[in-house]
């Protein structure tokens, strides 16, 4: 669900970046006016950021999927498997 949202937003940003590639805006740096730029370039930068977010999301999803196996979880990894369980007869 989250991954699909990232993909949908990325597609929209890409489409709108092409739509506004010649729309001039005032560039800003540190909150102060700077060189003119285009709204399309600003959207394209956001699209690029979303692609990096998708890569990070996929890596995190893969890590969490592999960490869910009992062999990799911390509590079971710290248990000594050779320890004898106390018997009720003792």
PDB file of N, CA and C in Angstrom:
ATOM      1  N   UNK A   1       0.825  -1.175   0.000  1.00  0.00           N
ATOM      2  CA  UNK A   1       0.000   0.000   0.000  1.00  0.00           C
ATOM      3  C   UNK A   1       0.884   1.258   0.000  1.00  0.00           C
ATOM      4  N   UNK A   2       1.903   1.292   0.864  1.00  0.00           N
ATOM      5  CA  UNK A   2       2.787   2.451   0.904  1.00  0.00           C
ATOM      6  C   UNK A   2       3.603   2.533  -0.376  1.00  0.00           C
ATOM      7  N   UNK A   3       4.113   1.381  -0.811  1.00  0.00           N
ATOM      8  CA  UNK A   3       4.929   1.365  -2.033  1.00  0.00           C
ATOM      9  C   UNK A   3       4.109   1.867  -3.229  1.00  0.00           C
ATOM     10  N   UNK A   4       2.858   1.451  -3.315  1.00  0.00           N
ATOM     11  CA  UNK A   4       2.005   1.889  -4.419  1.00  0.00           C
ATOM     12  C   UNK A   4       1.777   3.401  -4.346  1.00  0.00           C
ATOM     13  N   UNK A   5       1.643   3.940  -3.144  1.00  0.00           N
ATOM     14  CA  UNK A   5       1.499   5.383  -2.982  1.00  0.00           C
ATOM     15  C   UNK A   5       2.725   6.137  -3.482  1.00  0.00           C
ATOM     16  N   UNK A   6       3.917   5.602  -3.194  1.00  0.00           N
ATOM     17  CA  UNK A   6       5.152   6.217  -3.666  1.00  0.00           C
ATOM     18  C   UNK A   6       5.198   6.174  -5.191  1.00  0.00           C
ATOM     19  N   UNK A   7       4.817   5.038  -5.768  1.00  0.00           N
ATOM     20  CA  UNK A   7       4.815   4.911  -7.227  1.00  0.00           C
ATOM     21  C   UNK A   7       3.812   5.868  -7.871  1.00  0.00           C
ATOM     22  N   UNK A   8       2.626   5.980  -7.272  1.00  0.00           N
ATOM     23  CA  UNK A   8       1.609   6.885  -7.821  1.00  0.00           C
ATOM     24  C   UNK A   8       2.067   8.337  -7.754  1.00  0.00           C
ATOM     25  N   UNK A   9       2.632   8.731  -6.617  1.00  0.00           N
ATOM     26  CA  UNK A   9       3.119  10.104  -6.479  1.00  0.00           C
ATOM     27  C   UNK A   9       4.248  10.375  -7.458  1.00  0.00           C
ATOM     28  N   UNK A  10       5.143   9.427  -7.631  1.00  0.00           N
ATOM     29  CA  UNK A  10       6.253   9.585  -8.579  1.00  0.00           C
ATOM     30  C   UNK A  10       5.742   9.785 -10.001  1.00  0.00           C
ATOM     31  N   UNK A  11       4.765   8.991 -10.382  1.00  0.00           N
ATOM     32  CA  UNK A  11       4.208   9.112 -11.733  1.00  0.00           C
ATOM     33  C   UNK A  11       3.554  10.476 -11.939  1.00  0.00           C
ATOM     34  N   UNK A  12       2.848  10.952 -10.921  1.00  0.00           N
ATOM     35  CA  UNK A  12       2.202  12.258 -11.019  1.00  0.00           C
ATOM     36  C   UNK A  12       3.239  13.370 -11.101  1.00  0.00           C
ATOM     37  N   UNK A  13       4.277  13.285 -10.284  1.00  0.00           N
ATOM     38  CA  UNK A  13       5.332  14.300 -10.314  1.00  0.00           C
ATOM     39  C   UNK A  13       6.014  14.349 -11.677  1.00  0.00           C
ATOM     40  N   UNK A  14       6.283  13.186 -12.238  1.00  0.00           N
ATOM     41  CA  UNK A  14       6.939  13.127 -13.546  1.00  0.00           C
ATOM     42  C   UNK A  14       6.049  13.752 -14.621  1.00  0.00           C
ATOM     43  N   UNK A  15       4.774  13.404 -14.597  1.00  0.00           N
ATOM     44  CA  UNK A  15       3.827  13.939 -15.580  1.00  0.00           C
ATOM     45  C   UNK A  15       3.722  15.464 -15.467  1.00  0.00           C
ATOM     46  N   UNK A  16       3.586  15.944 -14.233  1.00  0.00           N
ATOM     47  CA  UNK A  16       3.444  17.386 -14.030  1.00  0.00           C
ATOM     48  C   UNK A  16       4.750  18.134 -14.315  1.00  0.00           C
ATOM     49  N   UNK A  17       5.895  17.504 -14.061  1.00  0.00           N
ATOM     50  CA  UNK A  17       7.182  18.132 -14.376  1.00  0.00           C
ATOM     51  C   UNK A  17       7.287  18.417 -15.868  1.00  0.00           C
ATOM     52  N   UNK A  18       6.847  17.467 -16.676  1.00  0.00           N
ATOM     53  CA  UNK A  18       6.862  17.679 -18.131  1.00  0.00           C
ATOM     54  C   UNK A  18       5.863  18.763 -18.532  1.00  0.00           C
ATOM     55  N   UNK A  19       4.736  18.788 -17.859  1.00  0.00           N
ATOM     56  CA  UNK A  19       3.704  19.784 -18.161  1.00  0.00           C
ATOM     57  C   UNK A  19       4.190  21.204 -17.869  1.00  0.00           C
ATOM     58  N   UNK A  20       4.950  21.374 -16.799  1.00  0.00           N
ATOM     59  CA  UNK A  20       5.372  22.711 -16.375  1.00  0.00           C
ATOM     60  C   UNK A  20       6.850  22.988 -16.642  1.00  0.00           C
ATOM     61  N   UNK A  21       7.456  22.275 -17.598  1.00  0.00           N
ATOM     62  CA  UNK A  21       8.893  22.426 -17.812  1.00  0.00           C
ATOM     63  C   UNK A  21       9.309  23.811 -18.294  1.00  0.00           C
ATOM     64  N   UNK A  22       8.385  24.594 -18.828  1.00  0.00           N
ATOM     65  CA  UNK A  22       8.726  25.941 -19.294  1.00  0.00           C
ATOM     66  C   UNK A  22       8.075  27.036 -18.451  1.00  0.00           C
ATOM     67  N   UNK A  23       7.489  26.687 -17.325  1.00  0.00           N
ATOM     68  CA  UNK A  23       6.832  27.678 -16.473  1.00  0.00           C
ATOM     69  C   UNK A  23       7.863  28.290 -15.526  1.00  0.00           C
ATOM     70  N   UNK A  24       8.191  29.578 -15.737  1.00  0.00           N
ATOM     71  CA  UNK A  24       9.232  30.183 -14.905  1.00  0.00           C
ATOM     72  C   UNK A  24       8.741  30.484 -13.485  1.00  0.00           C
ATOM     73  N   UNK A  25       9.652  30.328 -12.534  1.00  0.00           N
ATOM     74  CA  UNK A  25       9.397  30.716 -11.147  1.00  0.00           C
ATOM     75  C   UNK A  25      10.683  31.348 -10.610  1.00  0.00           C
ATOM     76  N   UNK A  26      10.537  32.042  -9.522  1.00  0.00           N
ATOM     77  CA  UNK A  26      11.707  32.629  -8.876  1.00  0.00           C
ATOM     78  C   UNK A  26      12.389  31.546  -8.053  1.00  0.00           C
ATOM     79  N   UNK A  27      13.658  31.341  -8.316  1.00  0.00           N
ATOM     80  CA  UNK A  27      14.419  30.390  -7.520  1.00  0.00           C
ATOM     81  C   UNK A  27      14.665  30.953  -6.136  1.00  0.00           C
ATOM     82  N   UNK A  28      14.915  30.076  -5.198  1.00  0.00           N
ATOM     83  CA  UNK A  28      15.172  30.525  -3.828  1.00  0.00           C
ATOM     84  C   UNK A  28      16.369  29.777  -3.265  1.00  0.00           C
ATOM     85  N   UNK A  29      17.118  30.476  -2.461  1.00  0.00           N
ATOM     86  CA  UNK A  29      18.193  29.852  -1.716  1.00  0.00           C
ATOM     87  C   UNK A  29      18.204  30.478  -0.333  1.00  0.00           C
ATOM     88  N   UNK A  30      18.115  29.674   0.685  1.00  0.00           N
ATOM     89  CA  UNK A  30      18.079  30.139   2.070  1.00  0.00           C
ATOM     90  C   UNK A  30      16.940  31.129   2.281  1.00  0.00           C
ATOM     91  N   UNK A  31      15.841  30.938   1.571  1.00  0.00           N
ATOM     92  CA  UNK A  31      14.677  31.800   1.731  1.00  0.00           C
ATOM     93  C   UNK A  31      14.782  33.140   1.032  1.00  0.00           C
ATOM     94  N   UNK A  32      15.822  33.323   0.240  1.00  0.00           N
ATOM     95  CA  UNK A  32      16.044  34.586  -0.462  1.00  0.00           C
ATOM     96  C   UNK A  32      15.945  34.323  -1.963  1.00  0.00           C
ATOM     97  N   UNK A  33      15.423  35.312  -2.714  1.00  0.00           N
ATOM     98  CA  UNK A  33      15.335  35.150  -4.168  1.00  0.00           C
ATOM     99  C   UNK A  33      16.707  34.871  -4.766  1.00  0.00           C
ATOM    100  N   UNK A  34      16.707  34.012  -5.770  1.00  0.00           N
ATOM    101  CA  UNK A  34      17.951  33.639  -6.445  1.00  0.00           C
ATOM    102  C   UNK A  34      17.687  33.597  -7.954  1.00  0.00           C
ATOM    103  N   UNK A  35      18.484  32.832  -8.659  1.00  0.00           N
ATOM    104  CA  UNK A  35      18.333  32.716 -10.117  1.00  0.00           C
ATOM    105  C   UNK A  35      16.965  32.156 -10.480  1.00  0.00           C
ATOM    106  N   UNK A  36      16.372  32.621 -11.560  1.00  0.00           N
ATOM    107  CA  UNK A  36      15.089  32.049 -12.001  1.00  0.00           C
ATOM    108  C   UNK A  36      15.259  30.577 -12.366  1.00  0.00           C
ATOM    109  N   UNK A  37      14.212  29.833 -12.202  1.00  0.00           N
ATOM    110  CA  UNK A  37      14.198  28.415 -12.556  1.00  0.00           C
ATOM    111  C   UNK A  37      12.819  28.114 -13.126  1.00  0.00           C
ATOM    112  N   UNK A  38      12.494  26.858 -13.291  1.00  0.00           N
ATOM    113  CA  UNK A  38      11.155  26.500 -13.781  1.00  0.00           C
ATOM    114  C   UNK A  38      10.468  25.620 -12.739  1.00  0.00           C
ATOM    115  N   UNK A  39       9.160  25.693 -12.757  1.00  0.00           N
ATOM    116  CA  UNK A  39       8.383  24.854 -11.852  1.00  0.00           C
ATOM    117  C   UNK A  39       8.571  23.382 -12.210  1.00  0.00           C
ATOM    118  N   UNK A  40       8.743  23.104 -13.496  1.00  0.00           N
ATOM    119  CA  UNK A  40       8.985  21.730 -13.936  1.00  0.00           C
ATOM    120  C   UNK A  40      10.259  21.155 -13.340  1.00  0.00           C
ATOM    121  N   UNK A  41      11.313  21.975 -13.258  1.00  0.00           N
ATOM    122  CA  UNK A  41      12.562  21.504 -12.663  1.00  0.00           C
ATOM    123  C   UNK A  41      12.366  21.210 -11.183  1.00  0.00           C
ATOM    124  N   UNK A  42      11.632  22.062 -10.501  1.00  0.00           N
ATOM    125  CA  UNK A  42      11.349  21.832  -9.079  1.00  0.00           C
ATOM    126  C   UNK A  42      10.603  20.507  -8.898  1.00  0.00           C
ATOM    127  N   UNK A  43       9.595  20.248  -9.744  1.00  0.00           N
ATOM    128  CA  UNK A  43       8.852  18.987  -9.663  1.00  0.00           C
ATOM    129  C   UNK A  43       9.747  17.796  -9.999  1.00  0.00           C
ATOM    130  N   UNK A  44      10.645  17.986 -10.961  1.00  0.00           N
ATOM    131  CA  UNK A  44      11.554  16.911 -11.344  1.00  0.00           C
ATOM    132  C   UNK A  44      12.504  16.563 -10.198  1.00  0.00           C
ATOM    133  N   UNK A  45      12.925  17.566  -9.434  1.00  0.00           N
ATOM    134  CA  UNK A  45      13.768  17.314  -8.267  1.00  0.00           C
ATOM    135  C   UNK A  45      12.991  16.525  -7.213  1.00  0.00           C
ATOM    136  N   UNK A  46      11.723  16.855  -7.036  1.00  0.00           N
ATOM    137  CA  UNK A  46      10.887  16.098  -6.094  1.00  0.00           C
ATOM    138  C   UNK A  46      10.710  14.668  -6.587  1.00  0.00           C
ATOM    139  N   UNK A  47      10.549  14.490  -7.906  1.00  0.00           N
ATOM    140  CA  UNK A  47      10.435  13.151  -8.493  1.00  0.00           C
ATOM    141  C   UNK A  47      11.706  12.346  -8.198  1.00  0.00           C
ATOM    142  N   UNK A  48      12.848  12.979  -8.381  1.00  0.00           N
ATOM    143  CA  UNK A  48      14.123  12.315  -8.119  1.00  0.00           C
ATOM    144  C   UNK A  48      14.228  11.894  -6.656  1.00  0.00           C
ATOM    145  N   UNK A  49      13.790  12.751  -5.756  1.00  0.00           N
ATOM    146  CA  UNK A  49      13.788  12.422  -4.334  1.00  0.00           C
ATOM    147  C   UNK A  49      12.868  11.235  -4.047  1.00  0.00           C
ATOM    148  N   UNK A  50      11.721  11.186  -4.708  1.00  0.00           N
ATOM    149  CA  UNK A  50      10.797  10.074  -4.496  1.00  0.00           C
ATOM    150  C   UNK A  50      11.393   8.758  -5.006  1.00  0.00           C
ATOM    151  N   UNK A  51      12.204   8.809  -6.052  1.00  0.00           N
ATOM    152  CA  UNK A  51      12.862   7.601  -6.535  1.00  0.00           C
ATOM    153  C   UNK A  51      13.856   7.093  -5.487  1.00  0.00           C
ATOM    154  N   UNK A  52      14.567   8.010  -4.842  1.00  0.00           N
ATOM    155  CA  UNK A  52      15.474   7.608  -3.763  1.00  0.00           C
ATOM    156  C   UNK A  52      14.679   7.065  -2.576  1.00  0.00           C
ATOM    157  N   UNK A  53      13.533   7.691  -2.286  1.00  0.00           N
ATOM    158  CA  UNK A  53      12.677   7.196  -1.204  1.00  0.00           C
ATOM    159  C   UNK A  53      12.194   5.775  -1.497  1.00  0.00           C
ATOM    160  N   UNK A  54      11.859   5.506  -2.753  1.00  0.00           N
ATOM    161  CA  UNK A  54      11.404   4.172  -3.135  1.00  0.00           C
ATOM    162  C   UNK A  54      12.519   3.141  -2.918  1.00  0.00           C
ATOM    163  N   UNK A  55      13.734   3.505  -3.278  1.00  0.00           N
ATOM    164  CA  UNK A  55      14.876   2.608  -3.075  1.00  0.00           C
ATOM    165  C   UNK A  55      15.063   2.324  -1.590  1.00  0.00           C
ATOM    166  N   UNK A  56      14.970   3.376  -0.759  1.00  0.00           N
ATOM    167  CA  UNK A  56      15.116   3.190   0.684  1.00  0.00           C
ATOM    168  C   UNK A  56      13.971   2.361   1.251  1.00  0.00           C
ATOM    169  N   UNK A  57      12.764   2.600   0.771  1.00  0.00           N
ATOM    170  CA  UNK A  57      11.611   1.838   1.247  1.00  0.00           C
ATOM    171  C   UNK A  57      11.764   0.355   0.903  1.00  0.00           C
ATOM    172  N   UNK A  58      12.178   0.062  -0.331  1.00  0.00           N
ATOM    173  CA  UNK A  58      12.370  -1.333  -0.737  1.00  0.00           C
ATOM    174  C   UNK A  58      13.435  -2.021   0.120  1.00  0.00           C
ATOM    175  N   UNK A  59      14.522  -1.308   0.420  1.00  0.00           N
ATOM    176  CA  UNK A  59      15.586  -1.880   1.252  1.00  0.00           C
ATOM    177  C   UNK A  59      15.067  -2.143   2.665  1.00  0.00           C
ATOM    178  N   UNK A  60      14.303  -1.216   3.201  1.00  0.00           N
ATOM    179  CA  UNK A  60      13.755  -1.398   4.552  1.00  0.00           C
ATOM    180  C   UNK A  60      12.759  -2.549   4.583  1.00  0.00           C
ATOM    181  N   UNK A  61      11.935  -2.669   3.554  1.00  0.00           N
ATOM    182  CA  UNK A  61      10.965  -3.760   3.496  1.00  0.00           C
ATOM    183  C   UNK A  61      11.675  -5.103   3.413  1.00  0.00           C
ATOM    184  N   UNK A  62      12.745  -5.165   2.648  1.00  0.00           N
ATOM    185  CA  UNK A  62      13.512  -6.403   2.529  1.00  0.00           C
ATOM    186  C   UNK A  62      14.177  -6.760   3.857  1.00  0.00           C
ATOM    187  N   UNK A  63      14.730  -5.748   4.534  1.00  0.00           N
ATOM    188  CA  UNK A  63      15.350  -5.989   5.840  1.00  0.00           C
ATOM    189  C   UNK A  63      14.337  -6.479   6.857  1.00  0.00           C
ATOM    190  N   UNK A  64      13.167  -5.872   6.880  1.00  0.00           N
ATOM    191  CA  UNK A  64      12.171  -6.291   7.862  1.00  0.00           C
ATOM    192  C   UNK A  64      11.623  -7.673   7.538  1.00  0.00           C
ATOM    193  N   UNK A  65      11.539  -8.021   6.270  1.00  0.00           N
ATOM    194  CA  UNK A  65      11.058  -9.350   5.897  1.00  0.00           C
ATOM    195  C   UNK A  65      12.067 -10.425   6.299  1.00  0.00           C
ATOM    196  N   UNK A  66      13.350 -10.150   6.127  1.00  0.00           N
ATOM    197  CA  UNK A  66      14.355 -11.148   6.486  1.00  0.00           C
ATOM    198  C   UNK A  66      14.582 -11.194   7.992  1.00  0.00           C
ATOM    199  N   UNK A  67      14.310 -10.108   8.687  1.00  0.00           N
ATOM    200  CA  UNK A  67      14.495 -10.080  10.143  1.00  0.00           C
ATOM    201  C   UNK A  67      13.372 -10.801  10.875  1.00  0.00           C
ATOM    202  N   UNK A  68      12.288 -11.099  10.186  1.00  0.00           N
ATOM    203  CA  UNK A  68      11.166 -11.737  10.859  1.00  0.00           C
ATOM    204  C   UNK A  68      11.358 -13.239  11.050  1.00  0.00           C
ATOM    205  N   UNK A  69      12.384 -13.821  10.424  1.00  0.00           N
ATOM    206  CA  UNK A  69      12.607 -15.250  10.625  1.00  0.00           C
ATOM    207  C   UNK A  69      13.208 -15.462  12.010  1.00  0.00           C
ATOM    208  N   UNK A  70      12.827 -16.532  12.703  1.00  0.00           N
ATOM    209  CA  UNK A  70      13.302 -16.758  14.074  1.00  0.00           C
ATOM    210  C   UNK A  70      14.818 -16.865  14.181  1.00  0.00           C
ATOM    211  N   UNK A  71      15.477 -17.342  13.162  1.00  0.00           N
ATOM    212  CA  UNK A  71      16.925 -17.508  13.216  1.00  0.00           C
ATOM    213  C   UNK A  71      17.648 -16.174  13.301  1.00  0.00           C
ATOM    214  N   UNK A  72      17.031 -15.106  12.832  1.00  0.00           N
ATOM    215  CA  UNK A  72      17.697 -13.814  12.815  1.00  0.00           C
ATOM    216  C   UNK A  72      17.233 -12.876  13.925  1.00  0.00           C
ATOM    217  N   UNK A  73      16.229 -13.258  14.664  1.00  0.00           N
ATOM    218  CA  UNK A  73      15.741 -12.352  15.698  1.00  0.00           C
ATOM    219  C   UNK A  73      16.641 -12.427  16.924  1.00  0.00           C
ATOM    220  N   UNK A  74      16.826 -11.324  17.577  1.00  0.00           N
ATOM    221  CA  UNK A  74      17.754 -11.231  18.703  1.00  0.00           C
ATOM    222  C   UNK A  74      17.411 -12.174  19.855  1.00  0.00           C
ATOM    223  N   UNK A  75      16.162 -12.241  20.307  1.00  0.00           N
ATOM    224  CA  UNK A  75      15.894 -13.112  21.461  1.00  0.00           C
ATOM    225  C   UNK A  75      16.258 -14.574  21.214  1.00  0.00           C
ATOM    226  N   UNK A  76      15.909 -15.113  20.050  1.00  0.00           N
ATOM    227  CA  UNK A  76      16.220 -16.520  19.811  1.00  0.00           C
ATOM    228  C   UNK A  76      17.688 -16.720  19.484  1.00  0.00           C
ATOM    229  N   UNK A  77      18.352 -15.691  18.966  1.00  0.00           N
ATOM    230  CA  UNK A  77      19.770 -15.820  18.652  1.00  0.00           C
ATOM    231  C   UNK A  77      20.613 -15.865  19.924  1.00  0.00           C
ATOM    232  N   UNK A  78      20.110 -15.283  21.006  1.00  0.00           N
ATOM    233  CA  UNK A  78      20.881 -15.265  22.252  1.00  0.00           C
ATOM    234  C   UNK A  78      20.616 -16.474  23.138  1.00  0.00           C
ATOM    235  N   UNK A  79      19.627 -17.263  22.801  1.00  0.00           N
ATOM    236  CA  UNK A  79      19.327 -18.451  23.606  1.00  0.00           C
ATOM    237  C   UNK A  79      20.374 -19.532  23.354  1.00  0.00           C
ATOM    238  N   UNK A  80      20.784 -20.186  24.395  1.00  0.00           N
ATOM    239  CA  UNK A  80      21.703 -21.298  24.271  1.00  0.00           C
ATOM    240  C   UNK A  80      20.870 -22.551  24.011  1.00  0.00           C
ATOM    241  N   UNK A  81      20.994 -23.116  22.841  1.00  0.00           N
ATOM    242  CA  UNK A  81      20.182 -24.264  22.454  1.00  0.00           C
ATOM    243  C   UNK A  81      20.602 -25.538  23.183  1.00  0.00           C
ATOM    244  N   UNK A  82      21.795 -25.572  23.781  1.00  0.00           N
ATOM    245  CA  UNK A  82      22.291 -26.771  24.463  1.00  0.00           C
ATOM    246  C   UNK A  82      21.891 -26.815  25.930  1.00  0.00           C
ATOM    247  N   UNK A  83      21.219 -25.803  26.410  1.00  0.00           N
ATOM    248  CA  UNK A  83      20.804 -25.773  27.810  1.00  0.00           C
ATOM    249  C   UNK A  83      19.687 -26.778  28.040  1.00  0.00           C
ATOM    250  N   UNK A  84      19.850 -27.596  29.079  1.00  0.00           N
ATOM    251  CA  UNK A  84      18.816 -28.573  29.409  1.00  0.00           C
ATOM    252  C   UNK A  84      17.678 -27.880  30.123  1.00  0.00           C
ATOM    253  N   UNK A  85      16.471 -28.261  29.777  1.00  0.00           N
ATOM    254  CA  UNK A  85      15.308 -27.720  30.464  1.00  0.00           C
ATOM    255  C   UNK A  85      15.135 -28.468  31.789  1.00  0.00           C
ATOM    256  N   UNK A  86      14.786 -27.760  32.849  1.00  0.00           N
ATOM    257  CA  UNK A  86      14.577 -28.452  34.128  1.00  0.00           C
ATOM    258  C   UNK A  86      13.387 -29.406  34.036  1.00  0.00           C
ATOM    259  N   UNK A  87      13.563 -30.553  34.605  1.00  0.00           N
ATOM    260  CA  UNK A  87      12.473 -31.532  34.570  1.00  0.00           C
ATOM    261  C   UNK A  87      11.600 -31.392  35.813  1.00  0.00           C
ATOM    262  N   UNK A  88      10.390 -31.859  35.731  1.00  0.00           N
ATOM    263  CA  UNK A  88       9.459 -31.772  36.855  1.00  0.00           C
ATOM    264  C   UNK A  88       9.832 -32.779  37.938  1.00  0.00           C
ATOM    265  N   UNK A  89      10.653 -33.788  37.639  1.00  0.00           N
ATOM    266  CA  UNK A  89      11.022 -34.822  38.603  1.00  0.00           C
ATOM    267  C   UNK A  89      12.101 -34.356  39.570  1.00  0.00           C
ATOM    268  N   UNK A  90      12.797 -33.275  39.311  1.00  0.00           N
ATOM    269  CA  UNK A  90      13.910 -32.844  40.162  1.00  0.00           C
ATOM    270  C   UNK A  90      13.488 -32.478  41.536  1.00  0.00           C
TER     271      UNK A  90
END
